[in-house]
Amino acid sequence: REVEGRTLLEAASVPGERLAADALHDALGPVAAAVPDEGR
């Protein structure tokens, strides 16, 4: 419910129960990216 409609980067920061969060991060890890920013 929390990740639907969010960007991949936003979804990567959504907290959750450990097992569910691990599965989400397994899916997002290879593709989540942020626009380069020299201030970051």
ModelCIF file with pLDDT and N, C-alpha, C, O atoms, coordinates in Angstrom:
data_MODEL
#
_entry.id   MODEL 
#
_entity.id                         1 
_entity.type                       polymer 
_entity.pdbx_number_of_molecules   1 
#
_entity_poly.entity_id                      1 
_entity_poly.type                           'polypeptide(L)' 
_entity_poly.nstd_linkage                   no 
_entity_poly.nstd_monomer                   no 
_entity_poly.pdbx_seq_one_letter_code       REVEGRTLLEAASVPGERLAADALHDALGPVAAAVPDEGR 
_entity_poly.pdbx_seq_one_letter_code_can   REVEGRTLLEAASVPGERLAADALHDALGPVAAAVPDEGR 
_entity_poly.pdbx_strand_id                 A 
#
loop_
_entity_poly_seq.entity_id 
_entity_poly_seq.num 
_entity_poly_seq.mon_id 
_entity_poly_seq.hetero 
1 1  ARG n 
1 2  GLU n 
1 3  VAL n 
1 4  GLU n 
1 5  GLY n 
1 6  ARG n 
1 7  THR n 
1 8  LEU n 
1 9  LEU n 
1 10 GLU n 
1 11 ALA n 
1 12 ALA n 
1 13 SER n 
1 14 VAL n 
1 15 PRO n 
1 16 GLY n 
1 17 GLU n 
1 18 ARG n 
1 19 LEU n 
1 20 ALA n 
1 21 ALA n 
1 22 ASP n 
1 23 ALA n 
1 24 LEU n 
1 25 HIS n 
1 26 ASP n 
1 27 ALA n 
1 28 LEU n 
1 29 GLY n 
1 30 PRO n 
1 31 VAL n 
1 32 ALA n 
1 33 ALA n 
1 34 ALA n 
1 35 VAL n 
1 36 PRO n 
1 37 ASP n 
1 38 GLU n 
1 39 GLY n 
1 40 ARG n 
#
_struct_asym.id          A 
_struct_asym.entity_id   1 
#
loop_
_ma_qa_metric.id 
_ma_qa_metric.mode 
_ma_qa_metric.name 
_ma_qa_metric.software_group_id 
_ma_qa_metric.type 
1 global pLDDT . pLDDT 
2 local  pLDDT . pLDDT 
#
_ma_qa_metric_global.metric_id      1 
_ma_qa_metric_global.metric_value   89.20 
_ma_qa_metric_global.model_id       1 
_ma_qa_metric_global.ordinal_id     1 
#
loop_
_ma_qa_metric_local.label_asym_id 
_ma_qa_metric_local.label_comp_id 
_ma_qa_metric_local.label_seq_id 
_ma_qa_metric_local.metric_id 
_ma_qa_metric_local.metric_value 
_ma_qa_metric_local.model_id 
_ma_qa_metric_local.ordinal_id 
A ARG 1  2 94.00 1 1  
A GLU 2  2 95.00 1 2  
A VAL 3  2 96.00 1 3  
A GLU 4  2 95.00 1 4  
A GLY 5  2 95.00 1 5  
A ARG 6  2 95.00 1 6  
A THR 7  2 92.00 1 7  
A LEU 8  2 91.00 1 8  
A LEU 9  2 86.00 1 9  
A GLU 10 2 90.00 1 10 
A ALA 11 2 93.00 1 11 
A ALA 12 2 89.00 1 12 
A SER 13 2 87.00 1 13 
A VAL 14 2 90.00 1 14 
A PRO 15 2 89.00 1 15 
A GLY 16 2 90.00 1 16 
A GLU 17 2 91.00 1 17 
A ARG 18 2 90.00 1 18 
A LEU 19 2 92.00 1 19 
A ALA 20 2 94.00 1 20 
A ALA 21 2 93.00 1 21 
A ASP 22 2 92.00 1 22 
A ALA 23 2 94.00 1 23 
A LEU 24 2 95.00 1 24 
A HIS 25 2 92.00 1 25 
A ASP 26 2 92.00 1 26 
A ALA 27 2 95.00 1 27 
A LEU 28 2 92.00 1 28 
A GLY 29 2 86.00 1 29 
A PRO 30 2 83.00 1 30 
A VAL 31 2 85.00 1 31 
A ALA 32 2 74.00 1 32 
A ALA 33 2 70.00 1 33 
A ALA 34 2 72.00 1 34 
A VAL 35 2 76.00 1 35 
A PRO 36 2 83.00 1 36 
A ASP 37 2 88.00 1 37 
A GLU 38 2 90.00 1 38 
A GLY 39 2 91.00 1 39 
A ARG 40 2 91.00 1 40 
#
loop_
_atom_site.group_PDB 
_atom_site.id 
_atom_site.type_symbol 
_atom_site.label_atom_id 
_atom_site.label_alt_id 
_atom_site.label_comp_id 
_atom_site.label_asym_id 
_atom_site.label_entity_id 
_atom_site.label_seq_id 
_atom_site.pdbx_PDB_ins_code 
_atom_site.Cartn_x 
_atom_site.Cartn_y 
_atom_site.Cartn_z 
_atom_site.occupancy 
_atom_site.B_iso_or_equiv 
_atom_site.pdbx_formal_charge 
_atom_site.auth_seq_id 
_atom_site.auth_comp_id 
_atom_site.auth_asym_id 
_atom_site.auth_atom_id 
_atom_site.pdbx_PDB_model_num 
ATOM 1   N N  . ARG A 1 1  ? 0.838  -1.212 0.000   1.00 94.00 ? 1  ARG A N  1 
ATOM 2   C CA . ARG A 1 1  ? 0.000  0.000  0.000   1.00 94.00 ? 1  ARG A CA 1 
ATOM 3   C C  . ARG A 1 1  ? 0.868  1.256  0.000   1.00 94.00 ? 1  ARG A C  1 
ATOM 4   O O  . ARG A 1 1  ? 0.513  2.259  -0.619  1.00 94.00 ? 1  ARG A O  1 
ATOM 5   N N  . GLU A 1 2  ? 1.984  1.202  0.681   1.00 95.00 ? 2  GLU A N  1 
ATOM 6   C CA . GLU A 1 2  ? 2.861  2.373  0.802   1.00 95.00 ? 2  GLU A CA 1 
ATOM 7   C C  . GLU A 1 2  ? 3.676  2.661  -0.460  1.00 95.00 ? 2  GLU A C  1 
ATOM 8   O O  . GLU A 1 2  ? 3.953  3.824  -0.753  1.00 95.00 ? 2  GLU A O  1 
ATOM 9   N N  . VAL A 1 3  ? 4.063  1.636  -1.208  1.00 96.00 ? 3  VAL A N  1 
ATOM 10  C CA . VAL A 1 3  ? 4.963  1.869  -2.344  1.00 96.00 ? 3  VAL A CA 1 
ATOM 11  C C  . VAL A 1 3  ? 4.240  2.157  -3.650  1.00 96.00 ? 3  VAL A C  1 
ATOM 12  O O  . VAL A 1 3  ? 4.806  2.795  -4.538  1.00 96.00 ? 3  VAL A O  1 
ATOM 13  N N  . GLU A 1 4  ? 3.002  1.699  -3.784  1.00 95.00 ? 4  GLU A N  1 
ATOM 14  C CA . GLU A 1 4  ? 2.284  1.918  -5.037  1.00 95.00 ? 4  GLU A CA 1 
ATOM 15  C C  . GLU A 1 4  ? 2.111  3.414  -5.295  1.00 95.00 ? 4  GLU A C  1 
ATOM 16  O O  . GLU A 1 4  ? 1.641  4.152  -4.429  1.00 95.00 ? 4  GLU A O  1 
ATOM 17  N N  . GLY A 1 5  ? 2.494  3.850  -6.491  1.00 95.00 ? 5  GLY A N  1 
ATOM 18  C CA . GLY A 1 5  ? 2.392  5.251  -6.872  1.00 95.00 ? 5  GLY A CA 1 
ATOM 19  C C  . GLY A 1 5  ? 3.652  6.066  -6.598  1.00 95.00 ? 5  GLY A C  1 
ATOM 20  O O  . GLY A 1 5  ? 3.772  7.194  -7.076  1.00 95.00 ? 5  GLY A O  1 
ATOM 21  N N  . ARG A 1 6  ? 4.581  5.514  -5.843  1.00 95.00 ? 6  ARG A N  1 
ATOM 22  C CA . ARG A 1 6  ? 5.824  6.223  -5.531  1.00 95.00 ? 6  ARG A CA 1 
ATOM 23  C C  . ARG A 1 6  ? 6.871  5.982  -6.609  1.00 95.00 ? 6  ARG A C  1 
ATOM 24  O O  . ARG A 1 6  ? 6.762  5.046  -7.401  1.00 95.00 ? 6  ARG A O  1 
ATOM 25  N N  . THR A 1 7  ? 7.890  6.839  -6.626  1.00 92.00 ? 7  THR A N  1 
ATOM 26  C CA . THR A 1 7  ? 9.028  6.580  -7.500  1.00 92.00 ? 7  THR A CA 1 
ATOM 27  C C  . THR A 1 7  ? 9.850  5.452  -6.885  1.00 92.00 ? 7  THR A C  1 
ATOM 28  O O  . THR A 1 7  ? 9.682  5.121  -5.711  1.00 92.00 ? 7  THR A O  1 
ATOM 29  N N  . LEU A 1 8  ? 10.731 4.868  -7.679  1.00 91.00 ? 8  LEU A N  1 
ATOM 30  C CA . LEU A 1 8  ? 11.580 3.793  -7.177  1.00 91.00 ? 8  LEU A CA 1 
ATOM 31  C C  . LEU A 1 8  ? 12.439 4.272  -6.012  1.00 91.00 ? 8  LEU A C  1 
ATOM 32  O O  . LEU A 1 8  ? 12.602 3.558  -5.023  1.00 91.00 ? 8  LEU A O  1 
ATOM 33  N N  . LEU A 1 9  ? 12.983 5.475  -6.128  1.00 86.00 ? 9  LEU A N  1 
ATOM 34  C CA . LEU A 1 9  ? 13.830 6.002  -5.067  1.00 86.00 ? 9  LEU A CA 1 
ATOM 35  C C  . LEU A 1 9  ? 13.020 6.271  -3.799  1.00 86.00 ? 9  LEU A C  1 
ATOM 36  O O  . LEU A 1 9  ? 13.495 5.994  -2.697  1.00 86.00 ? 9  LEU A O  1 
ATOM 37  N N  . GLU A 1 10 ? 11.815 6.802  -3.938  1.00 90.00 ? 10 GLU A N  1 
ATOM 38  C CA . GLU A 1 10 ? 10.956 7.018  -2.773  1.00 90.00 ? 10 GLU A CA 1 
ATOM 39  C C  . GLU A 1 10 ? 10.600 5.692  -2.111  1.00 90.00 ? 10 GLU A C  1 
ATOM 40  O O  . GLU A 1 10 ? 10.612 5.584  -0.885  1.00 90.00 ? 10 GLU A O  1 
ATOM 41  N N  . ALA A 1 11 ? 10.285 4.688  -2.916  1.00 93.00 ? 11 ALA A N  1 
ATOM 42  C CA . ALA A 1 11 ? 9.909  3.375  -2.384  1.00 93.00 ? 11 ALA A CA 1 
ATOM 43  C C  . ALA A 1 11 ? 11.056 2.737  -1.608  1.00 93.00 ? 11 ALA A C  1 
ATOM 44  O O  . ALA A 1 11 ? 10.826 2.010  -0.642  1.00 93.00 ? 11 ALA A O  1 
ATOM 45  N N  . ALA A 1 12 ? 12.285 3.005  -2.027  1.00 89.00 ? 12 ALA A N  1 
ATOM 46  C CA . ALA A 1 12 ? 13.444 2.413  -1.353  1.00 89.00 ? 12 ALA A CA 1 
ATOM 47  C C  . ALA A 1 12 ? 13.570 2.884  0.088   1.00 89.00 ? 12 ALA A C  1 
ATOM 48  O O  . ALA A 1 12 ? 14.232 2.227  0.892   1.00 89.00 ? 12 ALA A O  1 
ATOM 49  N N  . SER A 1 13 ? 12.945 4.012  0.431   1.00 87.00 ? 13 SER A N  1 
ATOM 50  C CA . SER A 1 13 ? 13.061 4.537  1.796   1.00 87.00 ? 13 SER A CA 1 
ATOM 51  C C  . SER A 1 13 ? 11.828 4.236  2.653   1.00 87.00 ? 13 SER A C  1 
ATOM 52  O O  . SER A 1 13 ? 11.764 4.675  3.802   1.00 87.00 ? 13 SER A O  1 
ATOM 53  N N  . VAL A 1 14 ? 10.860 3.507  2.125   1.00 90.00 ? 14 VAL A N  1 
ATOM 54  C CA . VAL A 1 14 ? 9.649  3.187  2.882   1.00 90.00 ? 14 VAL A CA 1 
ATOM 55  C C  . VAL A 1 14 ? 9.989  2.126  3.937   1.00 90.00 ? 14 VAL A C  1 
ATOM 56  O O  . VAL A 1 14 ? 10.524 1.070  3.600   1.00 90.00 ? 14 VAL A O  1 
ATOM 57  N N  . PRO A 1 15 ? 9.684  2.400  5.204   1.00 89.00 ? 15 PRO A N  1 
ATOM 58  C CA . PRO A 1 15 ? 9.962  1.403  6.242   1.00 89.00 ? 15 PRO A CA 1 
ATOM 59  C C  . PRO A 1 15 ? 8.940  0.275  6.198   1.00 89.00 ? 15 PRO A C  1 
ATOM 60  O O  . PRO A 1 15 ? 7.824  0.447  5.707   1.00 89.00 ? 15 PRO A O  1 
ATOM 61  N N  . GLY A 1 16 ? 9.338  -0.872 6.714   1.00 90.00 ? 16 GLY A N  1 
ATOM 62  C CA . GLY A 1 16 ? 8.426  -2.007 6.761   1.00 90.00 ? 16 GLY A CA 1 
ATOM 63  C C  . GLY A 1 16 ? 9.023  -3.124 7.592   1.00 90.00 ? 16 GLY A C  1 
ATOM 64  O O  . GLY A 1 16 ? 10.159 -3.040 8.059   1.00 90.00 ? 16 GLY A O  1 
ATOM 65  N N  . GLU A 1 17 ? 8.231  -4.174 7.766   1.00 91.00 ? 17 GLU A N  1 
ATOM 66  C CA . GLU A 1 17 ? 8.745  -5.341 8.480   1.00 91.00 ? 17 GLU A CA 1 
ATOM 67  C C  . GLU A 1 17 ? 9.946  -5.884 7.720   1.00 91.00 ? 17 GLU A C  1 
ATOM 68  O O  . GLU A 1 17 ? 10.002 -5.801 6.493   1.00 91.00 ? 17 GLU A O  1 
ATOM 69  N N  . ARG A 1 18 ? 10.889 -6.429 8.439   1.00 90.00 ? 18 ARG A N  1 
ATOM 70  C CA . ARG A 1 18 ? 12.183 -6.786 7.872   1.00 90.00 ? 18 ARG A CA 1 
ATOM 71  C C  . ARG A 1 18 ? 12.086 -7.671 6.629   1.00 90.00 ? 18 ARG A C  1 
ATOM 72  O O  . ARG A 1 18 ? 12.710 -7.366 5.612   1.00 90.00 ? 18 ARG A O  1 
ATOM 73  N N  . LEU A 1 19 ? 11.335 -8.733 6.689   1.00 92.00 ? 19 LEU A N  1 
ATOM 74  C CA . LEU A 1 19 ? 11.275 -9.664 5.560   1.00 92.00 ? 19 LEU A CA 1 
ATOM 75  C C  . LEU A 1 19 ? 10.673 -8.997 4.327   1.00 92.00 ? 19 LEU A C  1 
ATOM 76  O O  . LEU A 1 19 ? 11.180 -9.159 3.217   1.00 92.00 ? 19 LEU A O  1 
ATOM 77  N N  . ALA A 1 20 ? 9.587  -8.244 4.526   1.00 94.00 ? 20 ALA A N  1 
ATOM 78  C CA . ALA A 1 20 ? 8.951  -7.544 3.409   1.00 94.00 ? 20 ALA A CA 1 
ATOM 79  C C  . ALA A 1 20 ? 9.897  -6.485 2.836   1.00 94.00 ? 20 ALA A C  1 
ATOM 80  O O  . ALA A 1 20 ? 10.030 -6.359 1.619   1.00 94.00 ? 20 ALA A O  1 
ATOM 81  N N  . ALA A 1 21 ? 10.549 -5.732 3.713   1.00 93.00 ? 21 ALA A N  1 
ATOM 82  C CA . ALA A 1 21 ? 11.485 -4.695 3.261   1.00 93.00 ? 21 ALA A CA 1 
ATOM 83  C C  . ALA A 1 21 ? 12.666 -5.311 2.512   1.00 93.00 ? 21 ALA A C  1 
ATOM 84  O O  . ALA A 1 21 ? 13.134 -4.745 1.523   1.00 93.00 ? 21 ALA A O  1 
ATOM 85  N N  . ASP A 1 22 ? 13.146 -6.454 2.971   1.00 92.00 ? 22 ASP A N  1 
ATOM 86  C CA . ASP A 1 22 ? 14.251 -7.132 2.273   1.00 92.00 ? 22 ASP A CA 1 
ATOM 87  C C  . ASP A 1 22 ? 13.833 -7.553 0.871   1.00 92.00 ? 22 ASP A C  1 
ATOM 88  O O  . ASP A 1 22 ? 14.616 -7.423 -0.070  1.00 92.00 ? 22 ASP A O  1 
ATOM 89  N N  . ALA A 1 23 ? 12.609 -8.056 0.717   1.00 94.00 ? 23 ALA A N  1 
ATOM 90  C CA . ALA A 1 23 ? 12.125 -8.454 -0.606  1.00 94.00 ? 23 ALA A CA 1 
ATOM 91  C C  . ALA A 1 23 ? 11.996 -7.238 -1.513  1.00 94.00 ? 23 ALA A C  1 
ATOM 92  O O  . ALA A 1 23 ? 12.364 -7.288 -2.687  1.00 94.00 ? 23 ALA A O  1 
ATOM 93  N N  . LEU A 1 24 ? 11.471 -6.142 -0.964  1.00 95.00 ? 24 LEU A N  1 
ATOM 94  C CA . LEU A 1 24 ? 11.348 -4.903 -1.745  1.00 95.00 ? 24 LEU A CA 1 
ATOM 95  C C  . LEU A 1 24 ? 12.717 -4.414 -2.190  1.00 95.00 ? 24 LEU A C  1 
ATOM 96  O O  . LEU A 1 24 ? 12.899 -4.062 -3.355  1.00 95.00 ? 24 LEU A O  1 
ATOM 97  N N  . HIS A 1 25 ? 13.666 -4.389 -1.294  1.00 92.00 ? 25 HIS A N  1 
ATOM 98  C CA . HIS A 1 25 ? 15.004 -3.909 -1.635  1.00 92.00 ? 25 HIS A CA 1 
ATOM 99  C C  . HIS A 1 25 ? 15.703 -4.842 -2.617  1.00 92.00 ? 25 HIS A C  1 
ATOM 100 O O  . HIS A 1 25 ? 16.531 -4.400 -3.413  1.00 92.00 ? 25 HIS A O  1 
ATOM 101 N N  . ASP A 1 26 ? 15.373 -6.123 -2.563  1.00 92.00 ? 26 ASP A N  1 
ATOM 102 C CA . ASP A 1 26 ? 15.922 -7.065 -3.545  1.00 92.00 ? 26 ASP A CA 1 
ATOM 103 C C  . ASP A 1 26 ? 15.438 -6.705 -4.949  1.00 92.00 ? 26 ASP A C  1 
ATOM 104 O O  . ASP A 1 26 ? 16.191 -6.804 -5.918  1.00 92.00 ? 26 ASP A O  1 
ATOM 105 N N  . ALA A 1 27 ? 14.174 -6.287 -5.051  1.00 95.00 ? 27 ALA A N  1 
ATOM 106 C CA . ALA A 1 27 ? 13.621 -5.886 -6.351  1.00 95.00 ? 27 ALA A CA 1 
ATOM 107 C C  . ALA A 1 27 ? 14.173 -4.544 -6.807  1.00 95.00 ? 27 ALA A C  1 
ATOM 108 O O  . ALA A 1 27 ? 14.464 -4.362 -7.989  1.00 95.00 ? 27 ALA A O  1 
ATOM 109 N N  . LEU A 1 28 ? 14.320 -3.603 -5.878  1.00 92.00 ? 28 LEU A N  1 
ATOM 110 C CA . LEU A 1 28 ? 14.722 -2.241 -6.232  1.00 92.00 ? 28 LEU A CA 1 
ATOM 111 C C  . LEU A 1 28 ? 16.220 -2.057 -6.409  1.00 92.00 ? 28 LEU A C  1 
ATOM 112 O O  . LEU A 1 28 ? 16.650 -1.202 -7.183  1.00 92.00 ? 28 LEU A O  1 
ATOM 113 N N  . GLY A 1 29 ? 17.004 -2.832 -5.718  1.00 86.00 ? 29 GLY A N  1 
ATOM 114 C CA . GLY A 1 29 ? 18.452 -2.631 -5.688  1.00 86.00 ? 29 GLY A CA 1 
ATOM 115 C C  . GLY A 1 29 ? 19.111 -2.402 -7.030  1.00 86.00 ? 29 GLY A C  1 
ATOM 116 O O  . GLY A 1 29 ? 19.877 -1.448 -7.166  1.00 86.00 ? 29 GLY A O  1 
ATOM 117 N N  . PRO A 1 30 ? 18.852 -3.227 -8.026  1.00 83.00 ? 30 PRO A N  1 
ATOM 118 C CA . PRO A 1 30 ? 19.542 -3.054 -9.303  1.00 83.00 ? 30 PRO A CA 1 
ATOM 119 C C  . PRO A 1 30 ? 19.072 -1.857 -10.131 1.00 83.00 ? 30 PRO A C  1 
ATOM 120 O O  . PRO A 1 30 ? 19.745 -1.490 -11.094 1.00 83.00 ? 30 PRO A O  1 
ATOM 121 N N  . VAL A 1 31 ? 17.936 -1.236 -9.787  1.00 85.00 ? 31 VAL A N  1 
ATOM 122 C CA . VAL A 1 31 ? 17.388 -0.210 -10.676 1.00 85.00 ? 31 VAL A CA 1 
ATOM 123 C C  . VAL A 1 31 ? 17.138 1.153  -10.045 1.00 85.00 ? 31 VAL A C  1 
ATOM 124 O O  . VAL A 1 31 ? 16.975 2.138  -10.765 1.00 85.00 ? 31 VAL A O  1 
ATOM 125 N N  . ALA A 1 32 ? 17.104 1.233  -8.713  1.00 74.00 ? 32 ALA A N  1 
ATOM 126 C CA . ALA A 1 32 ? 16.816 2.527  -8.079  1.00 74.00 ? 32 ALA A CA 1 
ATOM 127 C C  . ALA A 1 32 ? 17.981 3.474  -8.324  1.00 74.00 ? 32 ALA A C  1 
ATOM 128 O O  . ALA A 1 32 ? 19.135 3.137  -8.060  1.00 74.00 ? 32 ALA A O  1 
ATOM 129 N N  . ALA A 1 33 ? 17.673 4.646  -8.825  1.00 70.00 ? 33 ALA A N  1 
ATOM 130 C CA . ALA A 1 33 ? 18.717 5.619  -9.123  1.00 70.00 ? 33 ALA A CA 1 
ATOM 131 C C  . ALA A 1 33 ? 18.181 7.023  -8.907  1.00 70.00 ? 33 ALA A C  1 
ATOM 132 O O  . ALA A 1 33 ? 16.985 7.278  -9.047  1.00 70.00 ? 33 ALA A O  1 
ATOM 133 N N  . ALA A 1 34 ? 19.073 7.914  -8.567  1.00 72.00 ? 34 ALA A N  1 
ATOM 134 C CA . ALA A 1 34 ? 18.714 9.323  -8.393  1.00 72.00 ? 34 ALA A CA 1 
ATOM 135 C C  . ALA A 1 34 ? 19.404 10.131 -9.478  1.00 72.00 ? 34 ALA A C  1 
ATOM 136 O O  . ALA A 1 34 ? 20.467 9.751  -9.967  1.00 72.00 ? 34 ALA A O  1 
ATOM 137 N N  . VAL A 1 35 ? 18.796 11.240 -9.848  1.00 76.00 ? 35 VAL A N  1 
ATOM 138 C CA . VAL A 1 35 ? 19.405 12.150 -10.802 1.00 76.00 ? 35 VAL A CA 1 
ATOM 139 C C  . VAL A 1 35 ? 20.689 12.698 -10.168 1.00 76.00 ? 35 VAL A C  1 
ATOM 140 O O  . VAL A 1 35 ? 20.662 13.138 -9.018  1.00 76.00 ? 35 VAL A O  1 
ATOM 141 N N  . PRO A 1 36 ? 21.806 12.678 -10.891 1.00 83.00 ? 36 PRO A N  1 
ATOM 142 C CA . PRO A 1 36 ? 23.053 13.203 -10.311 1.00 83.00 ? 36 PRO A CA 1 
ATOM 143 C C  . PRO A 1 36 ? 22.882 14.643 -9.838  1.00 83.00 ? 36 PRO A C  1 
ATOM 144 O O  . PRO A 1 36 ? 22.237 15.455 -10.501 1.00 83.00 ? 36 PRO A O  1 
ATOM 145 N N  . ASP A 1 37 ? 23.464 14.943 -8.695  1.00 88.00 ? 37 ASP A N  1 
ATOM 146 C CA . ASP A 1 37 ? 23.378 16.271 -8.102  1.00 88.00 ? 37 ASP A CA 1 
ATOM 147 C C  . ASP A 1 37 ? 24.668 16.522 -7.341  1.00 88.00 ? 37 ASP A C  1 
ATOM 148 O O  . ASP A 1 37 ? 25.008 15.769 -6.428  1.00 88.00 ? 37 ASP A O  1 
ATOM 149 N N  . GLU A 1 38 ? 25.393 17.579 -7.710  1.00 90.00 ? 38 GLU A N  1 
ATOM 150 C CA . GLU A 1 38 ? 26.678 17.861 -7.086  1.00 90.00 ? 38 GLU A CA 1 
ATOM 151 C C  . GLU A 1 38 ? 26.550 18.194 -5.602  1.00 90.00 ? 38 GLU A C  1 
ATOM 152 O O  . GLU A 1 38 ? 27.535 18.102 -4.869  1.00 90.00 ? 38 GLU A O  1 
ATOM 153 N N  . GLY A 1 39 ? 25.362 18.576 -5.145  1.00 91.00 ? 39 GLY A N  1 
ATOM 154 C CA . GLY A 1 39 ? 25.161 18.884 -3.734  1.00 91.00 ? 39 GLY A CA 1 
ATOM 155 C C  . GLY A 1 39 ? 24.874 17.663 -2.887  1.00 91.00 ? 39 GLY A C  1 
ATOM 156 O O  . GLY A 1 39 ? 24.849 17.751 -1.659  1.00 91.00 ? 39 GLY A O  1 
ATOM 157 N N  . ARG A 1 40 ? 24.656 16.520 -3.528  1.00 91.00 ? 40 ARG A N  1 
ATOM 158 C CA . ARG A 1 40 ? 24.339 15.292 -2.811  1.00 91.00 ? 40 ARG A CA 1 
ATOM 159 C C  . ARG A 1 40 ? 25.635 14.550 -2.505  1.00 91.00 ? 40 ARG A C  1 
ATOM 160 O O  . ARG A 1 40 ? 25.605 13.479 -1.901  1.00 91.00 ? 40 ARG A O  1 
#
